[in-house]
């Protein structure tokens, strides 16, 4: 296991925060550090996964005009 992702090494406020209900909510920073989409429909998913369709949205890039 990657030591950075070890639950004992996570930093509250950086890797996660606690919801009002007491759940651990992972941040975009944590997801990027993990390096892949788990396809669970995470609140802060930087990969664009849409749980309702089961697809990952590709980011539109602004290509320079020639």
N, C-alpha and C. Protein backbone atom coordinates (compact mmCIF):
# COMPACT_ATOMS: atom_id res chain seq x y z
N UNK A 1 0.84 -1.19 0.00
CA UNK A 1 0.00 0.00 0.00
C UNK A 1 0.88 1.24 0.00
N UNK A 2 0.49 2.23 -0.77
CA UNK A 2 1.18 3.50 -0.80
C UNK A 2 1.08 4.15 0.58
N UNK A 3 2.22 4.49 1.20
CA UNK A 3 2.21 5.06 2.55
C UNK A 3 1.43 6.36 2.63
N UNK A 4 1.41 7.15 1.53
CA UNK A 4 0.66 8.40 1.54
C UNK A 4 -0.84 8.14 1.66
N UNK A 5 -1.30 7.01 1.15
CA UNK A 5 -2.73 6.71 1.16
C UNK A 5 -3.13 5.87 2.37
N UNK A 6 -2.19 5.53 3.20
CA UNK A 6 -2.48 4.80 4.42
C UNK A 6 -3.43 5.65 5.26
N UNK A 7 -4.56 5.08 5.72
CA UNK A 7 -5.53 5.87 6.49
C UNK A 7 -4.93 6.58 7.70
N UNK A 8 -3.84 6.06 8.23
CA UNK A 8 -3.20 6.71 9.38
C UNK A 8 -2.39 7.93 9.00
N UNK A 9 -2.12 8.11 7.71
CA UNK A 9 -1.31 9.24 7.24
C UNK A 9 -2.13 10.33 6.56
N UNK A 10 -3.44 10.21 6.54
CA UNK A 10 -4.28 11.23 5.90
C UNK A 10 -4.38 12.46 6.79
N UNK A 11 -4.45 13.62 6.17
CA UNK A 11 -4.49 14.89 6.89
C UNK A 11 -5.88 15.48 6.76
N UNK A 12 -6.53 15.67 7.91
CA UNK A 12 -7.86 16.28 7.90
C UNK A 12 -7.75 17.71 7.38
N UNK A 13 -8.65 18.09 6.50
CA UNK A 13 -8.63 19.42 5.90
C UNK A 13 -7.85 19.48 4.60
N UNK A 14 -7.01 18.47 4.35
CA UNK A 14 -6.26 18.40 3.10
C UNK A 14 -6.76 17.21 2.29
N UNK A 15 -6.72 16.03 2.89
CA UNK A 15 -7.14 14.81 2.21
C UNK A 15 -8.63 14.52 2.39
N UNK A 16 -9.20 15.00 3.45
CA UNK A 16 -10.61 14.75 3.73
C UNK A 16 -11.13 15.78 4.73
N UNK A 17 -12.44 15.81 4.86
CA UNK A 17 -13.09 16.57 5.93
C UNK A 17 -14.25 15.73 6.44
N UNK A 18 -14.76 16.07 7.59
CA UNK A 18 -15.88 15.34 8.16
C UNK A 18 -17.18 16.05 7.82
N UNK A 19 -18.14 15.29 7.31
CA UNK A 19 -19.45 15.85 7.00
C UNK A 19 -20.21 16.07 8.31
N UNK A 20 -21.30 16.85 8.28
CA UNK A 20 -22.09 17.06 9.49
C UNK A 20 -22.60 15.75 10.10
N UNK A 21 -22.74 14.72 9.26
CA UNK A 21 -23.20 13.42 9.75
C UNK A 21 -22.06 12.59 10.32
N UNK A 22 -20.82 13.07 10.17
CA UNK A 22 -19.66 12.36 10.71
C UNK A 22 -18.93 11.47 9.71
N UNK A 23 -19.31 11.54 8.44
CA UNK A 23 -18.64 10.74 7.42
C UNK A 23 -17.36 11.42 6.95
N UNK A 24 -16.37 10.64 6.57
CA UNK A 24 -15.14 11.16 6.01
C UNK A 24 -15.38 11.39 4.52
N UNK A 25 -15.21 12.63 4.06
CA UNK A 25 -15.44 13.00 2.66
C UNK A 25 -14.07 13.35 2.06
N UNK A 26 -13.66 12.56 1.07
CA UNK A 26 -12.35 12.78 0.47
C UNK A 26 -12.39 13.98 -0.48
N UNK A 27 -11.30 14.75 -0.46
CA UNK A 27 -11.19 15.96 -1.27
C UNK A 27 -10.65 15.63 -2.67
N UNK A 28 -10.73 16.61 -3.55
CA UNK A 28 -10.17 16.45 -4.89
C UNK A 28 -8.67 16.16 -4.79
N UNK A 29 -7.99 16.80 -3.86
CA UNK A 29 -6.56 16.58 -3.63
C UNK A 29 -6.28 15.10 -3.35
N UNK A 30 -7.08 14.49 -2.49
CA UNK A 30 -6.89 13.08 -2.17
C UNK A 30 -7.10 12.20 -3.41
N UNK A 31 -8.16 12.48 -4.15
CA UNK A 31 -8.45 11.67 -5.35
C UNK A 31 -7.31 11.76 -6.36
N UNK A 32 -6.77 12.94 -6.57
CA UNK A 32 -5.65 13.10 -7.50
C UNK A 32 -4.41 12.38 -6.98
N UNK A 33 -4.18 12.42 -5.68
CA UNK A 33 -3.05 11.72 -5.08
C UNK A 33 -3.22 10.21 -5.26
N UNK A 34 -4.45 9.73 -5.15
CA UNK A 34 -4.72 8.30 -5.34
C UNK A 34 -4.44 7.89 -6.78
N UNK A 35 -4.82 8.75 -7.74
CA UNK A 35 -4.42 8.53 -9.12
C UNK A 35 -5.39 7.81 -10.03
N UNK A 36 -6.58 7.48 -9.57
CA UNK A 36 -7.56 6.83 -10.44
C UNK A 36 -8.96 7.06 -9.90
N UNK A 37 -9.95 6.83 -10.77
CA UNK A 37 -11.36 6.99 -10.38
C UNK A 37 -11.89 5.64 -9.89
N UNK A 38 -12.53 5.65 -8.73
CA UNK A 38 -13.08 4.41 -8.16
C UNK A 38 -14.50 4.16 -8.65
N UNK A 39 -15.08 5.11 -9.39
CA UNK A 39 -16.41 5.00 -9.97
C UNK A 39 -17.50 4.79 -8.91
N UNK A 40 -17.34 5.49 -7.78
CA UNK A 40 -18.34 5.42 -6.72
C UNK A 40 -19.22 6.66 -6.69
N UNK A 41 -18.95 7.63 -7.54
CA UNK A 41 -19.73 8.86 -7.55
C UNK A 41 -19.34 9.80 -6.43
N UNK A 42 -18.06 9.89 -6.14
CA UNK A 42 -17.56 10.72 -5.04
C UNK A 42 -17.93 12.19 -5.25
N UNK A 43 -18.19 12.87 -4.17
CA UNK A 43 -18.61 14.27 -4.19
C UNK A 43 -17.59 15.17 -4.87
N UNK A 44 -16.30 14.92 -4.67
CA UNK A 44 -15.25 15.79 -5.21
C UNK A 44 -14.41 15.09 -6.27
N UNK A 45 -15.03 14.23 -7.06
CA UNK A 45 -14.31 13.47 -8.08
C UNK A 45 -13.74 14.40 -9.15
N UNK A 46 -12.40 14.42 -9.31
CA UNK A 46 -11.81 15.27 -10.34
C UNK A 46 -11.81 14.61 -11.72
N UNK A 47 -12.25 13.36 -11.79
CA UNK A 47 -12.22 12.61 -13.04
C UNK A 47 -13.52 12.73 -13.83
N UNK A 48 -14.53 13.35 -13.25
CA UNK A 48 -15.77 13.60 -13.97
C UNK A 48 -16.70 12.41 -14.07
N UNK A 49 -16.62 11.47 -13.14
CA UNK A 49 -17.49 10.30 -13.19
C UNK A 49 -18.93 10.70 -12.87
N UNK A 50 -19.86 10.26 -13.69
CA UNK A 50 -21.29 10.51 -13.48
C UNK A 50 -21.94 9.18 -13.09
N UNK A 51 -22.32 9.06 -11.84
CA UNK A 51 -22.87 7.81 -11.34
C UNK A 51 -24.18 7.43 -12.01
N UNK A 52 -24.97 8.41 -12.42
CA UNK A 52 -26.26 8.12 -13.04
C UNK A 52 -26.12 7.48 -14.42
N UNK A 53 -25.04 7.82 -15.14
CA UNK A 53 -24.84 7.23 -16.46
C UNK A 53 -23.74 6.19 -16.48
N UNK A 54 -22.91 6.17 -15.43
CA UNK A 54 -21.79 5.23 -15.38
C UNK A 54 -20.66 5.57 -16.32
N UNK A 55 -20.57 6.85 -16.69
CA UNK A 55 -19.53 7.28 -17.62
C UNK A 55 -18.65 8.35 -16.99
N UNK A 56 -17.45 8.46 -17.55
CA UNK A 56 -16.53 9.51 -17.13
C UNK A 56 -16.56 10.57 -18.21
N UNK A 57 -16.88 11.81 -17.81
CA UNK A 57 -16.90 12.92 -18.75
C UNK A 57 -15.47 13.31 -19.08
N UNK A 58 -15.19 13.47 -20.34
CA UNK A 58 -13.86 13.94 -20.73
C UNK A 58 -13.85 15.45 -20.64
N UNK A 59 -12.74 15.98 -20.20
CA UNK A 59 -12.63 17.43 -20.08
C UNK A 59 -12.45 18.04 -21.46
N UNK A 60 -13.15 19.13 -21.69
CA UNK A 60 -13.00 19.88 -22.92
C UNK A 60 -11.75 20.73 -22.79
N UNK A 61 -10.84 20.60 -23.70
CA UNK A 61 -9.64 21.42 -23.66
C UNK A 61 -9.78 22.54 -24.66
N UNK A 62 -9.29 23.68 -24.31
CA UNK A 62 -9.30 24.82 -25.22
C UNK A 62 -8.03 24.74 -26.06
N UNK A 63 -8.18 24.28 -27.27
CA UNK A 63 -7.03 24.19 -28.15
C UNK A 63 -6.75 25.55 -28.75
N UNK A 64 -5.48 25.92 -28.83
CA UNK A 64 -5.17 27.23 -29.41
C UNK A 64 -5.57 27.26 -30.89
N UNK A 65 -6.11 28.38 -31.27
CA UNK A 65 -6.52 28.58 -32.66
C UNK A 65 -5.32 28.97 -33.48
N UNK A 66 -5.19 28.37 -34.66
CA UNK A 66 -4.06 28.69 -35.55
C UNK A 66 -4.40 29.80 -36.47
